[in-house]
Amino acid sequence: MQPLLTGLLVVAALATLFVLAKGVIGMVQGSSSPERAQELMRKRILFQAVAVLIAVILLLMMSR
């Protein structure tokens, strides 16, 4: 179970990084609309929350 959760944690962290980079690049270029920026921010927060939740579950499993 731990290897699966570790893999999911890596995927969630990479998804967070990808969406964050996409948002920053769009902001720097000025090409994204405010609605698009908000959408990317919501996705980043969602992926980040999933990553934190998986990390907490992993830490709880390791403490046993």
N, C-alpha and C. Protein backbone atom coordinates (compact mmCIF):
# COMPACT_ATOMS: atom_id res chain seq x y z
N MET A 1 0.81 -1.20 0.00
CA MET A 1 0.00 0.00 0.00
C MET A 1 0.86 1.26 0.00
N GLN A 2 1.98 1.23 0.73
CA GLN A 2 2.85 2.40 0.79
C GLN A 2 3.46 2.76 -0.57
N PRO A 3 3.91 1.78 -1.36
CA PRO A 3 4.45 2.16 -2.68
C PRO A 3 3.40 2.82 -3.57
N LEU A 4 2.17 2.35 -3.48
CA LEU A 4 1.10 2.96 -4.27
C LEU A 4 0.85 4.39 -3.83
N LEU A 5 0.77 4.61 -2.53
CA LEU A 5 0.55 5.97 -2.02
C LEU A 5 1.74 6.88 -2.32
N THR A 6 2.94 6.33 -2.27
CA THR A 6 4.12 7.12 -2.60
C THR A 6 4.08 7.55 -4.06
N GLY A 7 3.70 6.64 -4.93
CA GLY A 7 3.56 6.98 -6.35
C GLY A 7 2.49 8.02 -6.58
N LEU A 8 1.36 7.88 -5.89
CA LEU A 8 0.29 8.87 -6.02
C LEU A 8 0.72 10.23 -5.49
N LEU A 9 1.52 10.23 -4.42
CA LEU A 9 2.04 11.49 -3.88
C LEU A 9 2.94 12.18 -4.90
N VAL A 10 3.79 11.42 -5.55
CA VAL A 10 4.68 12.00 -6.57
C VAL A 10 3.85 12.56 -7.73
N VAL A 11 2.84 11.83 -8.16
CA VAL A 11 1.99 12.30 -9.25
C VAL A 11 1.26 13.58 -8.85
N ALA A 12 0.72 13.62 -7.64
CA ALA A 12 0.00 14.80 -7.18
C ALA A 12 0.94 16.00 -7.06
N ALA A 13 2.15 15.77 -6.58
CA ALA A 13 3.12 16.86 -6.46
C ALA A 13 3.54 17.37 -7.84
N LEU A 14 3.75 16.47 -8.78
CA LEU A 14 4.11 16.89 -10.14
C LEU A 14 2.96 17.63 -10.82
N ALA A 15 1.73 17.18 -10.58
CA ALA A 15 0.57 17.88 -11.14
C ALA A 15 0.47 19.28 -10.56
N THR A 16 0.73 19.42 -9.27
CA THR A 16 0.73 20.74 -8.63
C THR A 16 1.80 21.63 -9.26
N LEU A 17 2.99 21.09 -9.42
CA LEU A 17 4.09 21.86 -10.01
C LEU A 17 3.77 22.27 -11.44
N PHE A 18 3.18 21.37 -12.21
CA PHE A 18 2.85 21.66 -13.60
C PHE A 18 1.83 22.80 -13.70
N VAL A 19 0.77 22.72 -12.90
CA VAL A 19 -0.27 23.74 -12.94
C VAL A 19 0.28 25.07 -12.43
N LEU A 20 1.12 25.02 -11.40
CA LEU A 20 1.74 26.24 -10.89
C LEU A 20 2.61 26.90 -11.96
N ALA A 21 3.44 26.11 -12.63
CA ALA A 21 4.30 26.65 -13.68
C ALA A 21 3.48 27.21 -14.83
N LYS A 22 2.43 26.52 -15.19
CA LYS A 22 1.56 27.00 -16.27
C LYS A 22 0.93 28.34 -15.92
N GLY A 23 0.51 28.48 -14.67
CA GLY A 23 -0.08 29.74 -14.21
C GLY A 23 0.93 30.88 -14.17
N VAL A 24 2.13 30.59 -13.69
CA VAL A 24 3.16 31.61 -13.61
C VAL A 24 3.58 32.05 -15.02
N ILE A 25 3.75 31.11 -15.91
CA ILE A 25 4.12 31.45 -17.29
C ILE A 25 3.03 32.29 -17.94
N GLY A 26 1.78 31.92 -17.74
CA GLY A 26 0.68 32.69 -18.30
C GLY A 26 0.62 34.09 -17.73
N MET A 27 0.93 34.22 -16.43
CA MET A 27 0.91 35.53 -15.80
C MET A 27 2.05 36.41 -16.32
N VAL A 28 3.22 35.83 -16.48
CA VAL A 28 4.37 36.58 -16.96
C VAL A 28 4.15 37.05 -18.40
N GLN A 29 3.60 36.17 -19.22
CA GLN A 29 3.35 36.52 -20.61
C GLN A 29 2.15 37.46 -20.76
N GLY A 30 1.29 37.48 -19.76
CA GLY A 30 0.11 38.31 -19.82
C GLY A 30 -0.93 37.82 -20.80
N SER A 31 -0.81 36.57 -21.20
CA SER A 31 -1.69 36.04 -22.23
C SER A 31 -2.95 35.38 -21.67
N SER A 32 -2.97 35.12 -20.36
CA SER A 32 -4.13 34.41 -19.82
C SER A 32 -5.14 35.39 -19.24
N SER A 33 -6.40 35.06 -19.41
CA SER A 33 -7.47 35.89 -18.89
C SER A 33 -7.60 35.67 -17.38
N PRO A 34 -8.25 36.59 -16.69
CA PRO A 34 -8.44 36.40 -15.24
C PRO A 34 -9.21 35.12 -14.90
N GLU A 35 -10.15 34.75 -15.77
CA GLU A 35 -10.90 33.52 -15.53
C GLU A 35 -10.00 32.29 -15.62
N ARG A 36 -9.12 32.31 -16.59
CA ARG A 36 -8.17 31.19 -16.77
C ARG A 36 -7.21 31.12 -15.58
N ALA A 37 -6.76 32.28 -15.11
CA ALA A 37 -5.86 32.31 -13.96
C ALA A 37 -6.55 31.74 -12.72
N GLN A 38 -7.82 32.09 -12.53
CA GLN A 38 -8.57 31.56 -11.39
C GLN A 38 -8.77 30.05 -11.50
N GLU A 39 -9.03 29.58 -12.71
CA GLU A 39 -9.19 28.15 -12.93
C GLU A 39 -7.91 27.40 -12.60
N LEU A 40 -6.78 27.93 -13.03
CA LEU A 40 -5.50 27.28 -12.74
C LEU A 40 -5.21 27.31 -11.24
N MET A 41 -5.57 28.40 -10.58
CA MET A 41 -5.33 28.49 -9.15
C MET A 41 -6.19 27.46 -8.40
N ARG A 42 -7.43 27.30 -8.82
CA ARG A 42 -8.29 26.30 -8.18
C ARG A 42 -7.75 24.89 -8.39
N LYS A 43 -7.26 24.61 -9.60
CA LYS A 43 -6.68 23.28 -9.86
C LYS A 43 -5.44 23.06 -9.01
N ARG A 44 -4.60 24.10 -8.88
CA ARG A 44 -3.38 23.97 -8.08
C ARG A 44 -3.73 23.68 -6.64
N ILE A 45 -4.71 24.38 -6.10
CA ILE A 45 -5.10 24.16 -4.72
C ILE A 45 -5.65 22.75 -4.54
N LEU A 46 -6.43 22.27 -5.49
CA LEU A 46 -6.97 20.91 -5.43
C LEU A 46 -5.85 19.87 -5.43
N PHE A 47 -4.92 19.98 -6.38
CA PHE A 47 -3.81 19.03 -6.44
C PHE A 47 -2.95 19.10 -5.18
N GLN A 48 -2.75 20.31 -4.68
CA GLN A 48 -1.94 20.49 -3.47
C GLN A 48 -2.64 19.84 -2.27
N ALA A 49 -3.94 20.00 -2.16
CA ALA A 49 -4.69 19.39 -1.06
C ALA A 49 -4.62 17.86 -1.13
N VAL A 50 -4.72 17.33 -2.34
CA VAL A 50 -4.62 15.87 -2.51
C VAL A 50 -3.23 15.40 -2.09
N ALA A 51 -2.20 16.13 -2.48
CA ALA A 51 -0.83 15.75 -2.12
C ALA A 51 -0.63 15.79 -0.61
N VAL A 52 -1.15 16.80 0.04
CA VAL A 52 -1.02 16.90 1.50
C VAL A 52 -1.78 15.76 2.17
N LEU A 53 -2.97 15.46 1.69
CA LEU A 53 -3.76 14.37 2.26
C LEU A 53 -3.03 13.03 2.13
N ILE A 54 -2.46 12.78 0.97
CA ILE A 54 -1.71 11.53 0.77
C ILE A 54 -0.49 11.50 1.68
N ALA A 55 0.19 12.63 1.83
CA ALA A 55 1.36 12.69 2.70
C ALA A 55 0.98 12.40 4.15
N VAL A 56 -0.14 12.94 4.60
CA VAL A 56 -0.61 12.68 5.97
C VAL A 56 -0.93 11.20 6.15
N ILE A 57 -1.59 10.61 5.18
CA ILE A 57 -1.91 9.18 5.26
C ILE A 57 -0.63 8.36 5.31
N LEU A 58 0.34 8.69 4.49
CA LEU A 58 1.62 7.98 4.51
C LEU A 58 2.31 8.11 5.85
N LEU A 59 2.32 9.32 6.41
CA LEU A 59 2.96 9.52 7.71
C LEU A 59 2.24 8.74 8.81
N LEU A 60 0.93 8.70 8.76
CA LEU A 60 0.19 7.91 9.74
C LEU A 60 0.48 6.42 9.60
N MET A 61 0.61 5.95 8.38
CA MET A 61 0.93 4.54 8.16
C MET A 61 2.34 4.21 8.64
N MET A 62 3.26 5.12 8.45
CA MET A 62 4.65 4.87 8.86
C MET A 62 4.84 4.94 10.37
N SER A 63 3.97 5.66 11.06
CA SER A 63 4.13 5.80 12.51
C SER A 63 3.67 4.56 13.26
N ARG A 64 2.96 3.68 12.60
CA ARG A 64 2.49 2.46 13.25
C ARG A 64 3.57 1.43 13.32
